Amino acid sequence: MGFRILFTNEAALNLEKLESDPSKKKRLNAVRKSLGYLENNPKHPSLNTHEYNSLTQQFGIKIFEAYAENKTPEAYKIFWHYGPDKSEITIIAITPHP
């Protein structure tokens, strides 16, 4: 069972910014690979998906964090939630971890 991936305006801008920076091609590839994993299996082990409690409390829905990169300075993270429909995932942000 696959999921349809949707992007908030912020997430779309995050991805466009990453795509427009040639120096971040390796990171872009990691993000794209992770989006593919999310589409097919949000619980894929390499994503290390876990609930992000402070955002869950802030927005009132379960928000998850998935890793696009691990053990890398400023590694990219993907923040997302299930929905709005049953077989959809909405990406809310794609950001480097400080």
N, C-alpha and C. Protein backbone atom coordinates (compact mmCIF):
# COMPACT_ATOMS: atom_id res chain seq x y z
N MET A 1 0.84 -1.18 0.00
CA MET A 1 0.00 0.00 0.00
C MET A 1 0.89 1.25 0.00
N GLY A 2 0.74 2.07 -1.00
CA GLY A 2 1.53 3.29 -1.07
C GLY A 2 0.72 4.50 -0.63
N PHE A 3 1.40 5.56 -0.37
CA PHE A 3 0.78 6.81 0.04
C PHE A 3 0.99 7.85 -1.05
N ARG A 4 0.05 8.73 -1.17
CA ARG A 4 0.20 9.90 -2.04
C ARG A 4 0.86 10.98 -1.18
N ILE A 5 1.93 11.58 -1.71
CA ILE A 5 2.66 12.59 -0.98
C ILE A 5 2.17 13.98 -1.40
N LEU A 6 1.77 14.77 -0.41
CA LEU A 6 1.36 16.16 -0.62
C LEU A 6 2.36 17.06 0.09
N PHE A 7 2.46 18.30 -0.36
CA PHE A 7 3.39 19.25 0.23
C PHE A 7 2.65 20.51 0.64
N THR A 8 2.93 21.01 1.83
CA THR A 8 2.45 22.34 2.19
C THR A 8 3.26 23.33 1.36
N ASN A 9 2.83 24.58 1.33
CA ASN A 9 3.59 25.61 0.62
C ASN A 9 5.01 25.71 1.16
N GLU A 10 5.13 25.66 2.49
CA GLU A 10 6.46 25.75 3.10
C GLU A 10 7.36 24.60 2.66
N ALA A 11 6.83 23.38 2.68
CA ALA A 11 7.63 22.22 2.28
C ALA A 11 8.02 22.29 0.81
N ALA A 12 7.10 22.75 -0.03
CA ALA A 12 7.41 22.89 -1.46
C ALA A 12 8.54 23.91 -1.66
N LEU A 13 8.48 25.01 -0.91
CA LEU A 13 9.55 26.02 -0.99
C LEU A 13 10.87 25.46 -0.47
N ASN A 14 10.82 24.68 0.61
CA ASN A 14 12.03 24.04 1.14
C ASN A 14 12.69 23.16 0.08
N LEU A 15 11.87 22.37 -0.61
CA LEU A 15 12.38 21.46 -1.63
C LEU A 15 12.92 22.24 -2.83
N GLU A 16 12.21 23.28 -3.26
CA GLU A 16 12.68 24.10 -4.38
C GLU A 16 14.02 24.76 -4.07
N LYS A 17 14.17 25.23 -2.84
CA LYS A 17 15.43 25.86 -2.43
C LYS A 17 16.57 24.84 -2.49
N LEU A 18 16.30 23.65 -2.03
CA LEU A 18 17.30 22.59 -2.06
C LEU A 18 17.64 22.22 -3.51
N GLU A 19 16.63 22.14 -4.36
CA GLU A 19 16.83 21.79 -5.77
C GLU A 19 17.64 22.87 -6.52
N SER A 20 17.53 24.11 -6.10
CA SER A 20 18.19 25.20 -6.81
C SER A 20 19.64 25.43 -6.37
N ASP A 21 20.11 24.68 -5.39
CA ASP A 21 21.47 24.86 -4.88
C ASP A 21 22.35 23.68 -5.33
N PRO A 22 23.16 23.90 -6.38
CA PRO A 22 23.99 22.79 -6.89
C PRO A 22 24.94 22.19 -5.85
N SER A 23 25.31 22.98 -4.85
CA SER A 23 26.23 22.46 -3.82
C SER A 23 25.55 21.46 -2.88
N LYS A 24 24.23 21.37 -2.98
CA LYS A 24 23.49 20.46 -2.09
C LYS A 24 22.89 19.27 -2.84
N LYS A 25 23.49 18.91 -3.96
CA LYS A 25 22.96 17.80 -4.77
C LYS A 25 22.89 16.49 -3.97
N LYS A 26 23.93 16.21 -3.20
CA LYS A 26 23.95 14.98 -2.39
C LYS A 26 22.80 14.99 -1.38
N ARG A 27 22.58 16.13 -0.77
CA ARG A 27 21.48 16.24 0.20
C ARG A 27 20.14 16.11 -0.49
N LEU A 28 19.99 16.72 -1.66
CA LEU A 28 18.75 16.62 -2.42
C LEU A 28 18.46 15.16 -2.74
N ASN A 29 19.48 14.42 -3.16
CA ASN A 29 19.28 12.99 -3.46
C ASN A 29 18.83 12.22 -2.23
N ALA A 30 19.39 12.56 -1.07
CA ALA A 30 19.00 11.89 0.18
C ALA A 30 17.54 12.22 0.51
N VAL A 31 17.13 13.47 0.32
CA VAL A 31 15.74 13.87 0.59
C VAL A 31 14.80 13.14 -0.37
N ARG A 32 15.14 13.10 -1.63
CA ARG A 32 14.28 12.41 -2.61
C ARG A 32 14.14 10.92 -2.29
N LYS A 33 15.25 10.31 -1.90
CA LYS A 33 15.21 8.89 -1.52
C LYS A 33 14.29 8.69 -0.32
N SER A 34 14.40 9.57 0.65
CA SER A 34 13.56 9.47 1.85
C SER A 34 12.09 9.70 1.51
N LEU A 35 11.80 10.63 0.61
CA LEU A 35 10.41 10.84 0.19
C LEU A 35 9.86 9.58 -0.48
N GLY A 36 10.69 8.89 -1.23
CA GLY A 36 10.27 7.62 -1.82
C GLY A 36 9.96 6.58 -0.77
N TYR A 37 10.81 6.51 0.26
CA TYR A 37 10.53 5.58 1.37
C TYR A 37 9.22 5.94 2.05
N LEU A 38 9.00 7.23 2.29
CA LEU A 38 7.76 7.67 2.94
C LEU A 38 6.55 7.26 2.10
N GLU A 39 6.67 7.41 0.81
CA GLU A 39 5.57 7.08 -0.09
C GLU A 39 5.20 5.60 -0.01
N ASN A 40 6.20 4.75 0.14
CA ASN A 40 5.97 3.31 0.15
C ASN A 40 5.84 2.70 1.54
N ASN A 41 6.58 3.24 2.50
CA ASN A 41 6.57 2.67 3.85
C ASN A 41 7.10 3.70 4.84
N PRO A 42 6.21 4.50 5.45
CA PRO A 42 6.66 5.53 6.39
C PRO A 42 7.43 4.98 7.60
N LYS A 43 7.36 3.69 7.81
CA LYS A 43 8.06 3.07 8.94
C LYS A 43 9.37 2.41 8.49
N HIS A 44 9.83 2.73 7.28
CA HIS A 44 11.09 2.16 6.79
C HIS A 44 12.20 2.45 7.80
N PRO A 45 12.99 1.43 8.15
CA PRO A 45 14.00 1.61 9.21
C PRO A 45 14.99 2.75 8.96
N SER A 46 15.36 3.01 7.72
CA SER A 46 16.37 4.05 7.48
C SER A 46 15.83 5.46 7.74
N LEU A 47 14.50 5.61 7.80
CA LEU A 47 13.91 6.92 8.08
C LEU A 47 13.98 7.29 9.55
N ASN A 48 14.07 6.27 10.40
CA ASN A 48 14.06 6.49 11.85
C ASN A 48 12.88 7.39 12.24
N THR A 49 11.72 7.11 11.67
CA THR A 49 10.52 7.92 11.90
C THR A 49 10.10 7.85 13.36
N HIS A 50 9.80 9.02 13.91
CA HIS A 50 9.28 9.08 15.27
C HIS A 50 8.41 10.32 15.41
N GLU A 51 7.49 10.24 16.37
CA GLU A 51 6.62 11.38 16.62
C GLU A 51 7.43 12.54 17.19
N TYR A 52 7.11 13.74 16.75
CA TYR A 52 7.77 14.94 17.23
C TYR A 52 6.79 15.62 18.18
N ASN A 53 6.94 15.32 19.45
CA ASN A 53 5.93 15.67 20.46
C ASN A 53 5.59 17.16 20.54
N SER A 54 6.59 18.03 20.47
CA SER A 54 6.28 19.46 20.63
C SER A 54 5.41 19.96 19.48
N LEU A 55 5.65 19.48 18.25
CA LEU A 55 4.80 19.88 17.12
C LEU A 55 3.42 19.23 17.21
N THR A 56 3.38 17.99 17.70
CA THR A 56 2.09 17.32 17.89
C THR A 56 1.23 18.14 18.84
N GLN A 57 1.82 18.60 19.94
CA GLN A 57 1.07 19.41 20.91
C GLN A 57 0.67 20.75 20.29
N GLN A 58 1.56 21.34 19.51
CA GLN A 58 1.29 22.64 18.92
C GLN A 58 0.15 22.58 17.89
N PHE A 59 0.13 21.55 17.06
CA PHE A 59 -0.84 21.48 15.97
C PHE A 59 -2.06 20.61 16.28
N GLY A 60 -1.99 19.82 17.33
CA GLY A 60 -3.12 19.00 17.71
C GLY A 60 -3.32 17.76 16.85
N ILE A 61 -2.34 17.42 16.01
CA ILE A 61 -2.35 16.17 15.25
C ILE A 61 -0.95 15.58 15.36
N LYS A 62 -0.84 14.28 15.17
CA LYS A 62 0.47 13.65 15.28
C LYS A 62 1.37 14.08 14.13
N ILE A 63 2.48 14.73 14.50
CA ILE A 63 3.49 15.16 13.55
C ILE A 63 4.70 14.25 13.73
N PHE A 64 5.24 13.78 12.62
CA PHE A 64 6.38 12.87 12.65
C PHE A 64 7.60 13.52 12.03
N GLU A 65 8.75 13.05 12.48
CA GLU A 65 10.03 13.47 11.92
C GLU A 65 10.67 12.24 11.31
N ALA A 66 11.16 12.38 10.08
CA ALA A 66 11.91 11.31 9.41
C ALA A 66 13.26 11.87 9.01
N TYR A 67 14.28 11.04 9.08
CA TYR A 67 15.62 11.48 8.74
C TYR A 67 15.89 11.24 7.26
N ALA A 68 16.36 12.28 6.57
CA ALA A 68 16.84 12.10 5.21
C ALA A 68 18.33 11.76 5.25
N GLU A 69 18.98 12.19 6.32
CA GLU A 69 20.41 11.91 6.53
C GLU A 69 20.61 11.61 8.01
N ASN A 70 21.62 10.83 8.29
CA ASN A 70 21.97 10.52 9.67
C ASN A 70 23.44 10.80 9.91
N LYS A 71 23.75 11.17 11.13
CA LYS A 71 25.14 11.36 11.54
C LYS A 71 25.91 12.28 10.59
N THR A 72 25.24 13.35 10.18
CA THR A 72 25.81 14.34 9.28
C THR A 72 25.53 15.71 9.87
N PRO A 73 26.52 16.60 9.89
CA PRO A 73 26.22 17.96 10.37
C PRO A 73 25.12 18.60 9.52
N GLU A 74 24.19 19.24 10.17
CA GLU A 74 23.05 19.87 9.51
C GLU A 74 22.27 18.88 8.63
N ALA A 75 22.12 17.67 9.12
CA ALA A 75 21.39 16.64 8.39
C ALA A 75 19.95 17.08 8.14
N TYR A 76 19.43 16.74 6.98
CA TYR A 76 18.07 17.13 6.64
C TYR A 76 17.04 16.21 7.29
N LYS A 77 15.97 16.82 7.76
CA LYS A 77 14.84 16.12 8.38
C LYS A 77 13.58 16.46 7.60
N ILE A 78 12.65 15.53 7.59
CA ILE A 78 11.37 15.74 6.93
C ILE A 78 10.28 15.64 8.00
N PHE A 79 9.50 16.68 8.14
CA PHE A 79 8.39 16.70 9.10
C PHE A 79 7.10 16.47 8.33
N TRP A 80 6.25 15.57 8.83
CA TRP A 80 5.06 15.19 8.08
C TRP A 80 3.96 14.68 9.01
N HIS A 81 2.77 14.52 8.43
CA HIS A 81 1.66 13.90 9.14
C HIS A 81 0.82 13.09 8.15
N TYR A 82 0.05 12.18 8.68
CA TYR A 82 -0.88 11.41 7.85
C TYR A 82 -2.06 12.30 7.47
N GLY A 83 -2.54 12.13 6.23
CA GLY A 83 -3.74 12.84 5.81
C GLY A 83 -3.44 13.96 4.85
N PRO A 84 -4.49 14.64 4.41
CA PRO A 84 -5.82 14.68 5.01
C PRO A 84 -6.66 13.43 4.74
N ASP A 85 -6.43 12.75 3.62
CA ASP A 85 -7.19 11.53 3.35
C ASP A 85 -6.42 10.31 3.81
N LYS A 86 -7.10 9.19 3.82
CA LYS A 86 -6.58 7.96 4.40
C LYS A 86 -5.23 7.52 3.81
N SER A 87 -5.07 7.62 2.51
CA SER A 87 -3.84 7.13 1.89
C SER A 87 -2.90 8.28 1.48
N GLU A 88 -2.91 9.34 2.27
CA GLU A 88 -2.08 10.50 1.97
C GLU A 88 -1.16 10.84 3.14
N ILE A 89 -0.01 11.39 2.79
CA ILE A 89 0.94 11.94 3.75
C ILE A 89 1.21 13.37 3.32
N THR A 90 1.16 14.30 4.27
CA THR A 90 1.46 15.69 3.98
C THR A 90 2.81 16.06 4.58
N ILE A 91 3.70 16.50 3.72
CA ILE A 91 5.02 16.97 4.15
C ILE A 91 4.84 18.43 4.56
N ILE A 92 5.21 18.74 5.80
CA ILE A 92 5.02 20.13 6.26
C ILE A 92 6.31 20.94 6.22
N ALA A 93 7.47 20.27 6.27
CA ALA A 93 8.74 20.99 6.18
C ALA A 93 9.87 20.01 5.88
N ILE A 94 10.87 20.52 5.17
CA ILE A 94 12.10 19.78 4.88
C ILE A 94 13.23 20.72 5.28
N THR A 95 13.88 20.42 6.38
CA THR A 95 14.82 21.38 6.94
C THR A 95 16.11 20.73 7.40
N PRO A 96 17.21 21.51 7.38
CA PRO A 96 18.44 21.00 8.00
C PRO A 96 18.32 21.08 9.51
N HIS A 97 18.85 20.10 10.17
CA HIS A 97 18.82 20.07 11.63
C HIS A 97 19.97 20.93 12.15
N PRO A 98 19.67 21.86 13.03
CA PRO A 98 20.76 22.74 13.53
C PRO A 98 21.78 21.99 14.34
